[in-house]
């Protein structure tokens, strides 16, 4: 048990089983579709208003433009609400699927992506509730601390770090131990308290590792983009960012579950199967 083992486990799962990218790919595609529809809706509304304002009187054009701006604002709000709901619901499915992937891998040596999605769907509501509770706690504490003069920002960082560790395992406990939302959060706090420093060390090492990888990938694509721009080709940097989002995010999703199996120590660790009666230790 240690700091490095959970990190090497997530890299091993992802880069030796590329089908583990499927949940994140699904997430990216859905968000891209929603973003694309929102962009097209706003663009078409704005262009329509400009065209209308150019073909009417000054007063009519002003009213038309104001109406279009209001319509665009409404569309943006609606898509923002839809985006948040999709992010919450689909995000819970993705997080649950990755916890199931690690659970299967650690207990049987392999995983089935369909089974991972099935287990996530079966616990969808509980995962969403846990995400909402964790989000409310984190945002609420941050808002309250920010109101404190001078030291508020520093306290917000410190308390936010402590909360992130204490609540780190909350979603994973729904899948791995089958906990209800409140029990999952309580179990996560228990694990966080018993393994605080090893979790902190793991998160620091993991952050440095993925940070270096992300910078290198984006730098390579930036250089490639500069060369491609000279040849009239664009989009290389965006592609680099998408690759980082596709490959790096799943590592973070799996880290709580790999820590559960590879990083915990003492009584806080996963329960071992009971010995059968009549057997002796060898």
C-alpha atoms as a PDB file:
ATOM      1  CA  UNK A   1       0.000   0.000   0.000  1.00  0.00           C
ATOM      2  CA  UNK A   2       1.355   3.474  -0.815  1.00  0.00           C
ATOM      3  CA  UNK A   3       1.267   6.670  -2.793  1.00  0.00           C
ATOM      4  CA  UNK A   4       2.555   5.438  -6.146  1.00  0.00           C
ATOM      5  CA  UNK A   5       0.626   2.165  -6.556  1.00  0.00           C
ATOM      6  CA  UNK A   6      -2.817   3.759  -7.161  1.00  0.00           C
ATOM      7  CA  UNK A   7      -1.317   6.081  -9.780  1.00  0.00           C
ATOM      8  CA  UNK A   8       0.493   3.328 -11.681  1.00  0.00           C
ATOM      9  CA  UNK A   9      -2.730   1.277 -11.501  1.00  0.00           C
ATOM     10  CA  UNK A  10      -4.803   3.894 -13.354  1.00  0.00           C
ATOM     11  CA  UNK A  11      -2.163   4.236 -16.067  1.00  0.00           C
ATOM     12  CA  UNK A  12      -1.973   0.458 -16.385  1.00  0.00           C
ATOM     13  CA  UNK A  13      -5.753   0.085 -16.697  1.00  0.00           C
ATOM     14  CA  UNK A  14      -6.090   2.819 -19.303  1.00  0.00           C
ATOM     15  CA  UNK A  15      -3.088   2.200 -21.545  1.00  0.00           C
ATOM     16  CA  UNK A  16      -3.459  -1.583 -21.559  1.00  0.00           C
ATOM     17  CA  UNK A  17      -7.241  -1.445 -22.045  1.00  0.00           C
ATOM     18  CA  UNK A  18      -8.152   1.344 -24.453  1.00  0.00           C
ATOM     19  CA  UNK A  19     -11.827   0.407 -24.219  1.00  0.00           C
ATOM     20  CA  UNK A  20     -11.660   2.125 -20.821  1.00  0.00           C
ATOM     21  CA  UNK A  21     -11.809   5.387 -22.816  1.00  0.00           C
ATOM     22  CA  UNK A  22     -15.368   4.627 -24.015  1.00  0.00           C
ATOM     23  CA  UNK A  23     -17.206   6.330 -21.096  1.00  0.00           C
ATOM     24  CA  UNK A  24     -15.140   9.501 -21.465  1.00  0.00           C
ATOM     25  CA  UNK A  25     -15.523   9.449 -25.260  1.00  0.00           C
ATOM     26  CA  UNK A  26     -19.291   9.230 -24.823  1.00  0.00           C
ATOM     27  CA  UNK A  27     -19.153  12.151 -22.396  1.00  0.00           C
ATOM     28  CA  UNK A  28     -17.100  14.296 -24.804  1.00  0.00           C
ATOM     29  CA  UNK A  29     -19.339  13.527 -27.791  1.00  0.00           C
ATOM     30  CA  UNK A  30     -22.565  14.400 -25.950  1.00  0.00           C
ATOM     31  CA  UNK A  31     -21.129  17.655 -24.580  1.00  0.00           C
ATOM     32  CA  UNK A  32     -19.783  18.540 -28.044  1.00  0.00           C
ATOM     33  CA  UNK A  33     -23.201  17.941 -29.610  1.00  0.00           C
ATOM     34  CA  UNK A  34     -24.933  20.148 -27.033  1.00  0.00           C
ATOM     35  CA  UNK A  35     -22.298  22.861 -27.426  1.00  0.00           C
ATOM     36  CA  UNK A  36     -22.536  22.687 -31.219  1.00  0.00           C
ATOM     37  CA  UNK A  37     -26.333  22.974 -31.203  1.00  0.00           C
ATOM     38  CA  UNK A  38     -26.146  25.929 -28.789  1.00  0.00           C
ATOM     39  CA  UNK A  39     -23.539  27.672 -30.959  1.00  0.00           C
ATOM     40  CA  UNK A  40     -25.560  27.143 -34.142  1.00  0.00           C
ATOM     41  CA  UNK A  41     -28.742  28.381 -32.460  1.00  0.00           C
ATOM     42  CA  UNK A  42     -27.072  31.540 -31.165  1.00  0.00           C
ATOM     43  CA  UNK A  43     -25.268  32.185 -34.452  1.00  0.00           C
ATOM     44  CA  UNK A  44     -28.394  31.754 -36.575  1.00  0.00           C
ATOM     45  CA  UNK A  45     -30.416  33.993 -34.233  1.00  0.00           C
ATOM     46  CA  UNK A  46     -27.803  36.742 -34.271  1.00  0.00           C
ATOM     47  CA  UNK A  47     -27.348  36.625 -38.039  1.00  0.00           C
ATOM     48  CA  UNK A  48     -31.111  36.668 -38.540  1.00  0.00           C
ATOM     49  CA  UNK A  49     -31.454  39.737 -36.332  1.00  0.00           C
ATOM     50  CA  UNK A  50     -28.686  41.573 -38.172  1.00  0.00           C
ATOM     51  CA  UNK A  51     -30.220  40.764 -41.537  1.00  0.00           C
ATOM     52  CA  UNK A  52     -33.634  41.913 -40.337  1.00  0.00           C
ATOM     53  CA  UNK A  53     -32.282  45.148 -38.859  1.00  0.00           C
ATOM     54  CA  UNK A  54     -30.612  46.040 -42.141  1.00  0.00           C
ATOM     55  CA  UNK A  55     -33.867  45.701 -44.087  1.00  0.00           C
ATOM     56  CA  UNK A  56     -36.212  47.694 -41.769  1.00  0.00           C
ATOM     57  CA  UNK A  57     -36.524  51.209 -40.384  1.00  0.00           C
ATOM     58  CA  UNK A  58     -34.254  52.511 -37.631  1.00  0.00           C
ATOM     59  CA  UNK A  59     -36.887  52.020 -34.902  1.00  0.00           C
ATOM     60  CA  UNK A  60     -37.891  48.644 -36.296  1.00  0.00           C
ATOM     61  CA  UNK A  61     -34.312  47.515 -36.609  1.00  0.00           C
ATOM     62  CA  UNK A  62     -33.575  48.492 -32.996  1.00  0.00           C
ATOM     63  CA  UNK A  63     -36.610  46.582 -31.715  1.00  0.00           C
ATOM     64  CA  UNK A  64     -35.717  43.627 -33.883  1.00  0.00           C
ATOM     65  CA  UNK A  65     -32.143  43.614 -32.612  1.00  0.00           C
ATOM     66  CA  UNK A  66     -33.226  43.904 -28.972  1.00  0.00           C
ATOM     67  CA  UNK A  67     -35.701  41.074 -29.480  1.00  0.00           C
ATOM     68  CA  UNK A  68     -33.005  38.921 -31.041  1.00  0.00           C
ATOM     69  CA  UNK A  69     -30.627  39.664 -28.185  1.00  0.00           C
ATOM     70  CA  UNK A  70     -33.306  38.670 -25.682  1.00  0.00           C
ATOM     71  CA  UNK A  71     -34.019  35.491 -27.653  1.00  0.00           C
ATOM     72  CA  UNK A  72     -30.332  34.640 -27.784  1.00  0.00           C
ATOM     73  CA  UNK A  73     -30.093  35.195 -24.030  1.00  0.00           C
ATOM     74  CA  UNK A  74     -33.021  32.860 -23.411  1.00  0.00           C
ATOM     75  CA  UNK A  75     -31.462  30.221 -25.668  1.00  0.00           C
ATOM     76  CA  UNK A  76     -28.148  30.517 -23.835  1.00  0.00           C
ATOM     77  CA  UNK A  77     -29.842  30.143 -20.445  1.00  0.00           C
ATOM     78  CA  UNK A  78     -31.825  27.115 -21.633  1.00  0.00           C
ATOM     79  CA  UNK A  79     -28.737  25.425 -23.049  1.00  0.00           C
ATOM     80  CA  UNK A  80     -26.792  26.279 -19.896  1.00  0.00           C
ATOM     81  CA  UNK A  81     -29.466  24.566 -17.799  1.00  0.00           C
ATOM     82  CA  UNK A  82     -29.542  21.587 -20.158  1.00  0.00           C
ATOM     83  CA  UNK A  83     -25.742  21.450 -20.105  1.00  0.00           C
ATOM     84  CA  UNK A  84     -25.609  21.424 -16.295  1.00  0.00           C
ATOM     85  CA  UNK A  85     -28.255  18.689 -16.111  1.00  0.00           C
ATOM     86  CA  UNK A  86     -26.515  16.577 -18.742  1.00  0.00           C
ATOM     87  CA  UNK A  87     -23.141  17.167 -17.083  1.00  0.00           C
ATOM     88  CA  UNK A  88     -24.571  16.078 -13.739  1.00  0.00           C
ATOM     89  CA  UNK A  89     -26.520  13.058 -14.971  1.00  0.00           C
ATOM     90  CA  UNK A  90     -24.072  11.828 -17.596  1.00  0.00           C
ATOM     91  CA  UNK A  91     -21.130  12.709 -15.355  1.00  0.00           C
ATOM     92  CA  UNK A  92     -22.556  10.472 -12.628  1.00  0.00           C
ATOM     93  CA  UNK A  93     -22.868   7.639 -15.143  1.00  0.00           C
ATOM     94  CA  UNK A  94     -19.263   8.108 -16.300  1.00  0.00           C
ATOM     95  CA  UNK A  95     -17.874   8.284 -12.749  1.00  0.00           C
ATOM     96  CA  UNK A  96     -19.845   5.181 -11.772  1.00  0.00           C
ATOM     97  CA  UNK A  97     -18.675   3.311 -14.853  1.00  0.00           C
ATOM     98  CA  UNK A  98     -15.020   4.054 -14.080  1.00  0.00           C
ATOM     99  CA  UNK A  99     -15.422   2.954 -10.455  1.00  0.00           C
ATOM    100  CA  UNK A 100     -16.939  -0.289 -11.765  1.00  0.00           C
ATOM    101  CA  UNK A 101     -14.090  -0.746 -14.259  1.00  0.00           C
ATOM    102  CA  UNK A 102     -11.533  -0.544 -11.444  1.00  0.00           C
ATOM    103  CA  UNK A 103     -13.630  -2.757  -9.166  1.00  0.00           C
ATOM    104  CA  UNK A 104     -13.846  -5.459 -11.852  1.00  0.00           C
ATOM    105  CA  UNK A 105     -10.167  -5.142 -12.749  1.00  0.00           C
ATOM    106  CA  UNK A 106      -8.996  -5.376  -9.140  1.00  0.00           C
ATOM    107  CA  UNK A 107     -11.272  -8.256  -8.149  1.00  0.00           C
ATOM    108  CA  UNK A 108     -11.194 -10.423 -11.290  1.00  0.00           C
ATOM    109  CA  UNK A 109      -8.224  -9.214 -13.339  1.00  0.00           C
ATOM    110  CA  UNK A 110     -10.335  -7.932 -16.242  1.00  0.00           C
ATOM    111  CA  UNK A 111     -13.390  -5.802 -16.897  1.00  0.00           C
ATOM    112  CA  UNK A 112     -16.423  -5.681 -19.166  1.00  0.00           C
ATOM    113  CA  UNK A 113     -17.449  -2.205 -20.330  1.00  0.00           C
ATOM    114  CA  UNK A 114     -21.119  -3.197 -20.671  1.00  0.00           C
ATOM    115  CA  UNK A 115     -21.149  -4.484 -17.106  1.00  0.00           C
ATOM    116  CA  UNK A 116     -19.550  -1.218 -15.975  1.00  0.00           C
ATOM    117  CA  UNK A 117     -22.324   0.826 -17.600  1.00  0.00           C
ATOM    118  CA  UNK A 118     -24.980  -1.528 -16.199  1.00  0.00           C
ATOM    119  CA  UNK A 119     -23.639  -1.124 -12.673  1.00  0.00           C
ATOM    120  CA  UNK A 120     -23.445   2.651 -13.080  1.00  0.00           C
ATOM    121  CA  UNK A 121     -27.028   2.821 -14.397  1.00  0.00           C
ATOM    122  CA  UNK A 122     -28.257   0.676 -11.497  1.00  0.00           C
ATOM    123  CA  UNK A 123     -26.745   3.224  -9.069  1.00  0.00           C
ATOM    124  CA  UNK A 124     -27.442   6.331 -11.148  1.00  0.00           C
ATOM    125  CA  UNK A 125     -29.726   8.088  -8.667  1.00  0.00           C
ATOM    126  CA  UNK A 126     -27.441   7.442  -5.711  1.00  0.00           C
ATOM    127  CA  UNK A 127     -24.430   8.710  -7.660  1.00  0.00           C
ATOM    128  CA  UNK A 128     -26.283  11.891  -8.620  1.00  0.00           C
ATOM    129  CA  UNK A 129     -27.384  12.482  -5.018  1.00  0.00           C
ATOM    130  CA  UNK A 130     -23.816  12.009  -3.770  1.00  0.00           C
ATOM    131  CA  UNK A 131     -22.488  14.423  -6.417  1.00  0.00           C
ATOM    132  CA  UNK A 132     -25.113  17.019  -5.450  1.00  0.00           C
ATOM    133  CA  UNK A 133     -24.377  16.735  -1.724  1.00  0.00           C
ATOM    134  CA  UNK A 134     -20.619  16.931  -2.267  1.00  0.00           C
ATOM    135  CA  UNK A 135     -21.066  19.908  -4.592  1.00  0.00           C
ATOM    136  CA  UNK A 136     -23.318  21.774  -2.156  1.00  0.00           C
ATOM    137  CA  UNK A 137     -20.926  21.159   0.744  1.00  0.00           C
ATOM    138  CA  UNK A 138     -17.879  22.284  -1.247  1.00  0.00           C
ATOM    139  CA  UNK A 139     -19.511  25.392  -2.725  1.00  0.00           C
ATOM    140  CA  UNK A 140     -21.252  26.334   0.538  1.00  0.00           C
ATOM    141  CA  UNK A 141     -18.086  26.122   2.618  1.00  0.00           C
ATOM    142  CA  UNK A 142     -16.117  28.059  -0.001  1.00  0.00           C
ATOM    143  CA  UNK A 143     -18.715  30.861  -0.156  1.00  0.00           C
ATOM    144  CA  UNK A 144     -18.841  31.194   3.641  1.00  0.00           C
ATOM    145  CA  UNK A 145     -15.044  31.277   3.986  1.00  0.00           C
ATOM    146  CA  UNK A 146     -14.668  33.824   1.185  1.00  0.00           C
ATOM    147  CA  UNK A 147     -16.754  36.229   3.291  1.00  0.00           C
ATOM    148  CA  UNK A 148     -14.044  36.297   5.953  1.00  0.00           C
ATOM    149  CA  UNK A 149     -11.801  39.354   5.446  1.00  0.00           C
ATOM    150  CA  UNK A 150      -8.133  38.860   4.532  1.00  0.00           C
ATOM    151  CA  UNK A 151      -7.742  35.241   5.668  1.00  0.00           C
ATOM    152  CA  UNK A 152     -10.871  34.012   3.882  1.00  0.00           C
ATOM    153  CA  UNK A 153      -9.161  33.154   0.591  1.00  0.00           C
ATOM    154  CA  UNK A 154      -6.356  31.268   2.350  1.00  0.00           C
ATOM    155  CA  UNK A 155      -8.818  29.384   4.546  1.00  0.00           C
ATOM    156  CA  UNK A 156     -10.904  28.528   1.484  1.00  0.00           C
ATOM    157  CA  UNK A 157      -7.869  26.900  -0.156  1.00  0.00           C
ATOM    158  CA  UNK A 158      -6.891  24.949   2.963  1.00  0.00           C
ATOM    159  CA  UNK A 159     -10.409  23.818   3.841  1.00  0.00           C
ATOM    160  CA  UNK A 160     -11.143  23.063   0.188  1.00  0.00           C
ATOM    161  CA  UNK A 161      -8.103  20.775   0.062  1.00  0.00           C
ATOM    162  CA  UNK A 162      -9.150  18.979   3.254  1.00  0.00           C
ATOM    163  CA  UNK A 163     -12.715  18.554   1.963  1.00  0.00           C
ATOM    164  CA  UNK A 164     -11.480  17.221  -1.381  1.00  0.00           C
ATOM    165  CA  UNK A 165      -9.575  14.498   0.477  1.00  0.00           C
ATOM    166  CA  UNK A 166     -12.363  13.657   2.917  1.00  0.00           C
ATOM    167  CA  UNK A 167     -14.944  13.439   0.106  1.00  0.00           C
ATOM    168  CA  UNK A 168     -12.572  11.864  -2.426  1.00  0.00           C
ATOM    169  CA  UNK A 169     -14.042   8.350  -2.168  1.00  0.00           C
ATOM    170  CA  UNK A 170     -17.741   9.285  -1.911  1.00  0.00           C
ATOM    171  CA  UNK A 171     -18.869   8.239  -5.406  1.00  0.00           C
ATOM    172  CA  UNK A 172     -16.652   5.151  -5.435  1.00  0.00           C
ATOM    173  CA  UNK A 173     -18.259   3.883  -2.218  1.00  0.00           C
ATOM    174  CA  UNK A 174     -21.620   3.723  -3.981  1.00  0.00           C
ATOM    175  CA  UNK A 175     -20.194   1.274  -6.525  1.00  0.00           C
ATOM    176  CA  UNK A 176     -17.524  -0.582  -4.560  1.00  0.00           C
ATOM    177  CA  UNK A 177     -19.296  -1.028  -1.242  1.00  0.00           C
ATOM    178  CA  UNK A 178     -22.893  -0.480  -2.368  1.00  0.00           C
ATOM    179  CA  UNK A 179     -23.456   2.378   0.071  1.00  0.00           C
ATOM    180  CA  UNK A 180     -26.433   4.714   0.142  1.00  0.00           C
ATOM    181  CA  UNK A 181     -25.530   8.416  -0.430  1.00  0.00           C
ATOM    182  CA  UNK A 182     -25.137   9.507   3.217  1.00  0.00           C
ATOM    183  CA  UNK A 183     -23.364   6.280   4.170  1.00  0.00           C
ATOM    184  CA  UNK A 184     -21.058   6.656   1.140  1.00  0.00           C
ATOM    185  CA  UNK A 185     -20.063  10.145   2.257  1.00  0.00           C
ATOM    186  CA  UNK A 186     -19.527   8.964   5.835  1.00  0.00           C
ATOM    187  CA  UNK A 187     -17.364   6.087   4.596  1.00  0.00           C
ATOM    188  CA  UNK A 188     -15.384   8.475   2.397  1.00  0.00           C
ATOM    189  CA  UNK A 189     -14.726  10.755   5.382  1.00  0.00           C
ATOM    190  CA  UNK A 190     -13.591   7.745   7.402  1.00  0.00           C
ATOM    191  CA  UNK A 191     -11.176   6.694   4.656  1.00  0.00           C
ATOM    192  CA  UNK A 192      -9.949  10.263   4.240  1.00  0.00           C
ATOM    193  CA  UNK A 193      -9.216  10.674   7.953  1.00  0.00           C
ATOM    194  CA  UNK A 194      -7.401   7.337   8.196  1.00  0.00           C
ATOM    195  CA  UNK A 195      -5.341   7.890   5.045  1.00  0.00           C
ATOM    196  CA  UNK A 196      -5.081  11.690   4.905  1.00  0.00           C
ATOM    197  CA  UNK A 197      -1.356  12.110   4.318  1.00  0.00           C
ATOM    198  CA  UNK A 198      -1.009   9.253   1.844  1.00  0.00           C
ATOM    199  CA  UNK A 199      -3.984  10.614  -0.125  1.00  0.00           C
ATOM    200  CA  UNK A 200      -2.483  14.107  -0.086  1.00  0.00           C
ATOM    201  CA  UNK A 201       0.853  12.758  -1.304  1.00  0.00           C
ATOM    202  CA  UNK A 202      -0.844  10.718  -4.002  1.00  0.00           C
ATOM    203  CA  UNK A 203      -2.841  13.716  -5.270  1.00  0.00           C
ATOM    204  CA  UNK A 204       0.288  15.884  -5.379  1.00  0.00           C
ATOM    205  CA  UNK A 205       2.266  13.266  -7.321  1.00  0.00           C
ATOM    206  CA  UNK A 206      -0.679  12.576  -9.616  1.00  0.00           C
ATOM    207  CA  UNK A 207      -1.206  16.294 -10.247  1.00  0.00           C
ATOM    208  CA  UNK A 208       2.444  16.786 -11.155  1.00  0.00           C
ATOM    209  CA  UNK A 209       2.454  13.721 -13.426  1.00  0.00           C
ATOM    210  CA  UNK A 210      -0.672  14.586 -15.396  1.00  0.00           C
ATOM    211  CA  UNK A 211       0.344  18.240 -15.464  1.00  0.00           C
ATOM    212  CA  UNK A 212       3.647  17.382 -17.138  1.00  0.00           C
ATOM    213  CA  UNK A 213       1.944  15.025 -19.589  1.00  0.00           C
ATOM    214  CA  UNK A 214      -0.703  17.632 -20.452  1.00  0.00           C
ATOM    215  CA  UNK A 215       1.859  20.390 -20.997  1.00  0.00           C
ATOM    216  CA  UNK A 216       4.023  18.145 -23.190  1.00  0.00           C
ATOM    217  CA  UNK A 217       1.064  17.033 -25.324  1.00  0.00           C
ATOM    218  CA  UNK A 218      -0.280  20.564 -25.777  1.00  0.00           C
ATOM    219  CA  UNK A 219       3.244  21.888 -26.484  1.00  0.00           C
ATOM    220  CA  UNK A 220       3.809  19.231 -29.148  1.00  0.00           C
ATOM    221  CA  UNK A 221       0.483  20.037 -30.795  1.00  0.00           C
ATOM    222  CA  UNK A 222       1.185  23.772 -30.511  1.00  0.00           C
ATOM    223  CA  UNK A 223       4.447  23.301 -32.390  1.00  0.00           C
ATOM    224  CA  UNK A 224       2.658  21.083 -34.883  1.00  0.00           C
ATOM    225  CA  UNK A 225      -0.019  23.765 -35.166  1.00  0.00           C
ATOM    226  CA  UNK A 226       2.577  26.405 -35.995  1.00  0.00           C
ATOM    227  CA  UNK A 227       3.948  24.209 -38.771  1.00  0.00           C
ATOM    228  CA  UNK A 228       0.444  23.320 -39.945  1.00  0.00           C
ATOM    229  CA  UNK A 229      -0.625  26.996 -40.003  1.00  0.00           C
ATOM    230  CA  UNK A 230       2.205  27.746 -42.376  1.00  0.00           C
ATOM    231  CA  UNK A 231       0.745  25.045 -44.623  1.00  0.00           C
ATOM    232  CA  UNK A 232      -2.789  26.433 -44.260  1.00  0.00           C
ATOM    233  CA  UNK A 233      -3.979  23.791 -41.766  1.00  0.00           C
ATOM    234  CA  UNK A 234      -5.576  24.800 -38.457  1.00  0.00           C
ATOM    235  CA  UNK A 235      -6.998  23.111 -35.380  1.00  0.00           C
ATOM    236  CA  UNK A 236      -3.888  21.249 -34.160  1.00  0.00           C
ATOM    237  CA  UNK A 237      -3.889  22.921 -30.739  1.00  0.00           C
ATOM    238  CA  UNK A 238      -7.608  22.186 -30.250  1.00  0.00           C
ATOM    239  CA  UNK A 239      -6.923  18.569 -31.154  1.00  0.00           C
ATOM    240  CA  UNK A 240      -4.172  18.447 -28.534  1.00  0.00           C
ATOM    241  CA  UNK A 241      -6.514  19.788 -25.856  1.00  0.00           C
ATOM    242  CA  UNK A 242      -9.178  17.237 -26.823  1.00  0.00           C
ATOM    243  CA  UNK A 243      -6.645  14.406 -26.605  1.00  0.00           C
ATOM    244  CA  UNK A 244      -5.596  15.555 -23.133  1.00  0.00           C
ATOM    245  CA  UNK A 245      -9.262  15.760 -22.065  1.00  0.00           C
ATOM    246  CA  UNK A 246      -9.989  12.325 -23.497  1.00  0.00           C
ATOM    247  CA  UNK A 247      -6.972  10.517 -22.028  1.00  0.00           C
ATOM    248  CA  UNK A 248      -6.227  12.411 -18.795  1.00  0.00           C
ATOM    249  CA  UNK A 249      -9.730  12.823 -17.335  1.00  0.00           C
ATOM    250  CA  UNK A 250     -10.388   9.053 -17.053  1.00  0.00           C
ATOM    251  CA  UNK A 251      -7.227   8.692 -14.962  1.00  0.00           C
ATOM    252  CA  UNK A 252      -8.685  11.073 -12.394  1.00  0.00           C
ATOM    253  CA  UNK A 253     -12.049   9.301 -12.465  1.00  0.00           C
ATOM    254  CA  UNK A 254     -10.404   5.960 -11.671  1.00  0.00           C
ATOM    255  CA  UNK A 255      -7.990   7.222  -9.015  1.00  0.00           C
ATOM    256  CA  UNK A 256     -10.392   7.053  -6.020  1.00  0.00           C
ATOM    257  CA  UNK A 257     -11.184   3.405  -6.765  1.00  0.00           C
ATOM    258  CA  UNK A 258      -7.539   2.424  -7.331  1.00  0.00           C
ATOM    259  CA  UNK A 259      -6.617   4.122  -4.055  1.00  0.00           C
ATOM    260  CA  UNK A 260      -9.288   2.054  -2.330  1.00  0.00           C
ATOM    261  CA  UNK A 261      -7.661  -1.162  -3.552  1.00  0.00           C
ATOM    262  CA  UNK A 262      -4.005  -0.128  -3.745  1.00  0.00           C
ATOM    263  CA  UNK A 263      -3.436   2.780  -1.384  1.00  0.00           C
ATOM    264  CA  UNK A 264      -5.360   2.302   1.846  1.00  0.00           C
ATOM    265  CA  UNK A 265      -3.741   0.923   4.967  1.00  0.00           C
ATOM    266  CA  UNK A 266      -4.829  -0.741   8.164  1.00  0.00           C
ATOM    267  CA  UNK A 267      -8.477  -1.224   9.123  1.00  0.00           C
ATOM    268  CA  UNK A 268      -9.611   1.332   6.556  1.00  0.00           C
ATOM    269  CA  UNK A 269      -8.695  -0.925   3.658  1.00  0.00           C
ATOM    270  CA  UNK A 270     -11.083  -3.131   1.684  1.00  0.00           C
ATOM    271  CA  UNK A 271     -12.408  -6.076   3.647  1.00  0.00           C
ATOM    272  CA  UNK A 272     -10.728  -9.377   2.881  1.00  0.00           C
ATOM    273  CA  UNK A 273     -12.847 -12.490   2.305  1.00  0.00           C
ATOM    274  CA  UNK A 274     -13.337 -14.551   5.444  1.00  0.00           C
ATOM    275  CA  UNK A 275     -11.404 -17.797   5.752  1.00  0.00           C
ATOM    276  CA  UNK A 276     -13.390 -20.996   5.439  1.00  0.00           C
ATOM    277  CA  UNK A 277     -13.709 -23.116   8.542  1.00  0.00           C
ATOM    278  CA  UNK A 278     -11.286 -25.973   8.748  1.00  0.00           C
ATOM    279  CA  UNK A 279      -8.525 -24.239   6.797  1.00  0.00           C
ATOM    280  CA  UNK A 280      -5.169 -23.383   8.227  1.00  0.00           C
ATOM    281  CA  UNK A 281      -2.748 -20.659   7.341  1.00  0.00           C
ATOM    282  CA  UNK A 282       0.220 -21.684   5.244  1.00  0.00           C
END
